[in-house]
Protein backbone atom coordinates (compact mmCIF):
# COMPACT_ATOMS: atom_id res chain seq x y z
CA MET A 1 12.27 134.41 8.83
CA ALA A 2 9.47 134.61 11.42
CA GLU A 3 8.21 131.48 13.16
CA THR A 4 4.53 130.76 12.87
CA SER A 5 2.25 128.61 14.97
CA THR A 6 0.72 125.66 13.25
CA PRO A 7 -2.82 124.45 13.94
CA GLY A 8 -2.93 122.50 17.16
CA THR A 9 -0.09 124.40 18.80
CA ASP A 10 0.07 127.32 21.20
CA ALA A 11 3.48 128.47 20.05
CA PRO A 12 6.13 127.24 17.66
CA GLY A 13 7.22 123.77 18.72
CA LYS A 14 4.66 123.43 21.54
CA GLN A 15 1.60 121.24 21.46
CA SER A 16 -1.66 122.89 22.52
CA ARG A 17 -3.27 121.86 25.75
CA GLN A 18 -6.75 120.53 25.41
CA PRO A 19 -9.06 121.41 28.31
CA VAL A 20 -9.55 118.54 30.69
CA GLN A 21 -13.20 117.57 30.99
CA ALA A 22 -14.51 117.24 34.57
CA PRO A 23 -16.09 113.87 35.37
CA PRO A 24 -19.77 113.88 36.34
CA GLY A 25 -18.90 113.25 39.99
CA VAL A 26 -16.92 116.47 40.30
CA GLY A 27 -19.69 118.45 38.61
CA ALA A 28 -22.21 116.90 40.99
CA ALA A 29 -19.93 117.73 43.93
CA ALA A 30 -19.88 121.39 42.88
CA VAL A 31 -23.69 121.43 42.68
CA LEU A 32 -23.90 119.84 46.14
CA LEU A 33 -21.67 122.57 47.56
CA VAL A 34 -23.95 125.21 46.03
CA LEU A 35 -26.90 123.46 47.69
CA ALA A 36 -24.97 123.50 50.98
CA ALA A 37 -24.56 127.27 50.51
CA VAL A 38 -28.34 127.54 50.10
CA ALA A 39 -28.78 125.53 53.32
CA GLN A 40 -26.42 128.00 55.03
CA VAL A 41 -28.53 130.93 53.84
CA VAL A 42 -31.63 129.26 55.32
CA ALA A 43 -29.75 128.58 58.55
CA SER A 44 -28.53 132.19 58.78
CA VAL A 45 -31.98 133.67 58.17
CA THR A 46 -33.45 131.32 60.76
CA ALA A 47 -30.71 132.23 63.24
CA VAL A 48 -31.30 135.96 62.76
CA ILE A 49 -35.03 135.47 63.33
CA HIS A 50 -34.24 133.49 66.47
CA ALA A 51 -31.75 136.11 67.68
CA LEU A 52 -34.44 138.79 67.42
CA SER A 53 -37.19 136.71 69.03
CA PRO A 54 -38.77 137.58 72.40
CA GLU A 55 -37.59 134.23 73.81
CA ARG A 56 -33.98 135.05 73.00
CA THR A 57 -34.37 138.56 74.43
CA LYS A 58 -35.67 137.06 77.67
CA ALA A 59 -32.71 134.65 77.82
CA ILE A 60 -30.30 137.56 77.28
CA GLU A 61 -32.00 139.54 80.06
CA GLU A 62 -31.57 136.59 82.42
CA GLN A 63 -27.87 136.37 81.55
CA ILE A 64 -27.42 140.10 82.11
CA ASN A 65 -29.23 139.94 85.46
CA ALA A 66 -26.76 137.28 86.60
CA MET A 67 -23.78 139.55 85.79
CA THR A 68 -22.13 141.89 88.24
CA GLY A 69 -20.35 145.15 87.64
CA SER A 70 -20.68 147.07 84.39
CA VAL A 71 -23.05 145.16 82.15
CA PRO A 72 -23.93 145.79 78.50
CA SER A 73 -27.46 146.47 77.38
CA VAL A 74 -29.84 143.85 76.00
CA GLU A 75 -29.76 145.61 72.64
CA SER A 76 -25.98 145.46 72.39
CA PHE A 77 -25.99 141.74 73.22
CA ARG A 78 -28.71 141.09 70.65
CA ASN A 79 -26.97 143.20 68.00
CA MET A 80 -23.65 141.43 68.57
CA GLY A 81 -25.43 138.11 68.07
CA VAL A 82 -27.10 139.23 64.86
CA ILE A 83 -23.86 140.67 63.47
CA THR A 84 -22.00 137.46 64.30
CA VAL A 85 -24.64 135.33 62.57
CA VAL A 86 -24.68 137.52 59.46
CA VAL A 87 -20.89 137.75 59.10
CA ALA A 88 -20.37 134.03 59.75
CA GLY A 89 -23.19 133.16 57.36
CA LEU A 90 -21.83 135.36 54.57
CA GLY A 91 -18.35 133.93 55.05
CA THR A 92 -19.59 130.35 54.96
CA VAL A 93 -21.76 130.94 51.87
CA ALA A 94 -18.81 132.60 50.12
CA ALA A 95 -16.56 129.66 51.02
CA TYR A 96 -19.05 127.11 49.68
CA LEU A 97 -19.51 129.02 46.41
CA LEU A 98 -15.79 129.66 45.95
CA LEU A 99 -14.95 126.01 46.54
CA ALA A 100 -17.70 124.89 44.13
CA PHE A 101 -16.34 127.22 41.44
CA PHE A 102 -12.76 126.00 41.82
CA LEU A 103 -13.79 122.34 42.04
CA ARG A 104 -15.22 122.70 38.54
CA LYS A 105 -11.92 124.24 37.44
CA GLY A 106 -10.07 121.19 38.78
CA ARG A 107 -8.16 122.82 41.62
CA MET A 108 -7.02 120.19 44.07
CA TRP A 109 -6.84 122.71 46.91
CA ALA A 110 -10.60 123.24 46.54
CA ARG A 111 -11.14 119.53 47.16
CA THR A 112 -9.08 119.82 50.34
CA GLY A 113 -10.87 123.03 51.29
CA ALA A 114 -14.24 121.31 50.94
CA ALA A 115 -13.07 118.61 53.36
CA VAL A 116 -11.90 121.27 55.83
CA LEU A 117 -15.20 123.14 55.53
CA LEU A 118 -17.03 119.87 56.15
CA THR A 119 -14.99 119.36 59.32
CA LEU A 120 -15.74 122.90 60.51
CA THR A 121 -19.45 122.34 59.85
CA LEU A 122 -19.24 119.18 61.93
CA VAL A 123 -18.19 121.33 64.89
CA GLN A 124 -21.51 123.19 64.57
CA LEU A 125 -23.28 120.03 65.70
CA LEU A 126 -22.08 120.69 69.24
CA GLY A 127 -24.95 122.19 71.18
CA ILE A 128 -27.31 122.01 68.23
CA THR A 129 -31.05 122.25 68.67
CA PHE A 130 -33.67 120.83 66.37
CA PRO A 131 -35.48 121.71 64.14
CA LEU A 132 -32.99 124.57 63.58
CA GLY A 133 -30.17 122.03 63.36
CA LEU A 134 -31.65 120.35 60.31
CA THR A 135 -29.88 122.83 58.04
CA THR A 136 -26.55 121.87 59.60
CA VAL A 137 -27.33 118.20 59.07
CA ALA A 138 -28.22 119.01 55.45
CA GLN A 139 -24.92 120.87 55.00
CA LEU A 140 -23.00 117.95 56.49
CA SER A 141 -24.76 115.44 54.26
CA LEU A 142 -24.30 117.49 51.10
CA GLY A 143 -20.67 118.27 51.96
CA ALA A 144 -19.83 114.65 52.80
CA VAL A 145 -21.22 113.39 49.50
CA ALA A 146 -19.41 116.19 47.61
CA VAL A 147 -16.07 115.37 49.23
CA ALA A 148 -16.59 111.63 48.61
CA LEU A 149 -17.37 112.27 44.92
CA CYS A 150 -14.18 114.31 44.56
CA HIS A 151 -12.10 111.48 46.01
CA LEU A 152 -13.43 108.78 43.68
CA PRO A 153 -10.82 107.51 41.19
CA ALA A 154 -12.29 109.53 38.29
CA GLY A 155 -12.20 112.71 40.37
CA THR A 156 -8.65 112.09 41.51
CA ARG A 157 -7.54 111.50 37.89
CA TYR A 158 -9.26 114.73 36.86
CA PHE A 159 -7.56 116.84 39.54
CA LEU A 160 -4.17 115.32 38.71
CA ALA A 161 -4.71 115.87 34.98
CA VAL A 162 -5.61 119.53 35.53
CA LYS A 163 -2.55 119.95 37.74
CA ALA A 164 -0.31 118.36 35.10
CA ALA A 165 -1.84 120.50 32.32
CA ARG A 166 -1.07 123.69 34.26
CA LYS A 167 2.68 122.94 34.45
């Protein structure tokens, strides 16, 4: 005789797992991380524009003139700067969006990752110039609120419930 699943079960003898609903704070935290990704896009575009500006070119020329021996060209310095900004910007945006996605899914590691990303963004404040630094301040503010929302009691219960449901 074949076993059959009854309504409300995944398999014979097993109760079905109901999806755990994310509290509003965790949903808001995910939205804040998406907004931080948008701030990173603005920061990256602004940084590329700055890297290609005549003022930056002049600063690079002054640095090259102070060098001795075999020196790279102004174009190679400028291109390296633009490539660095673009790659770092894409990586940061991807991290924000990935963490936002997995926060909504209740992954506790995403909550930890958001805190780590917030700490790394804090390092960007070193040597910051305004008004270009306003996007970094926006990222820090959005990230700090997102991390705080995830660590509220309702958020902690949600992450633990999702973890328990996966076992």
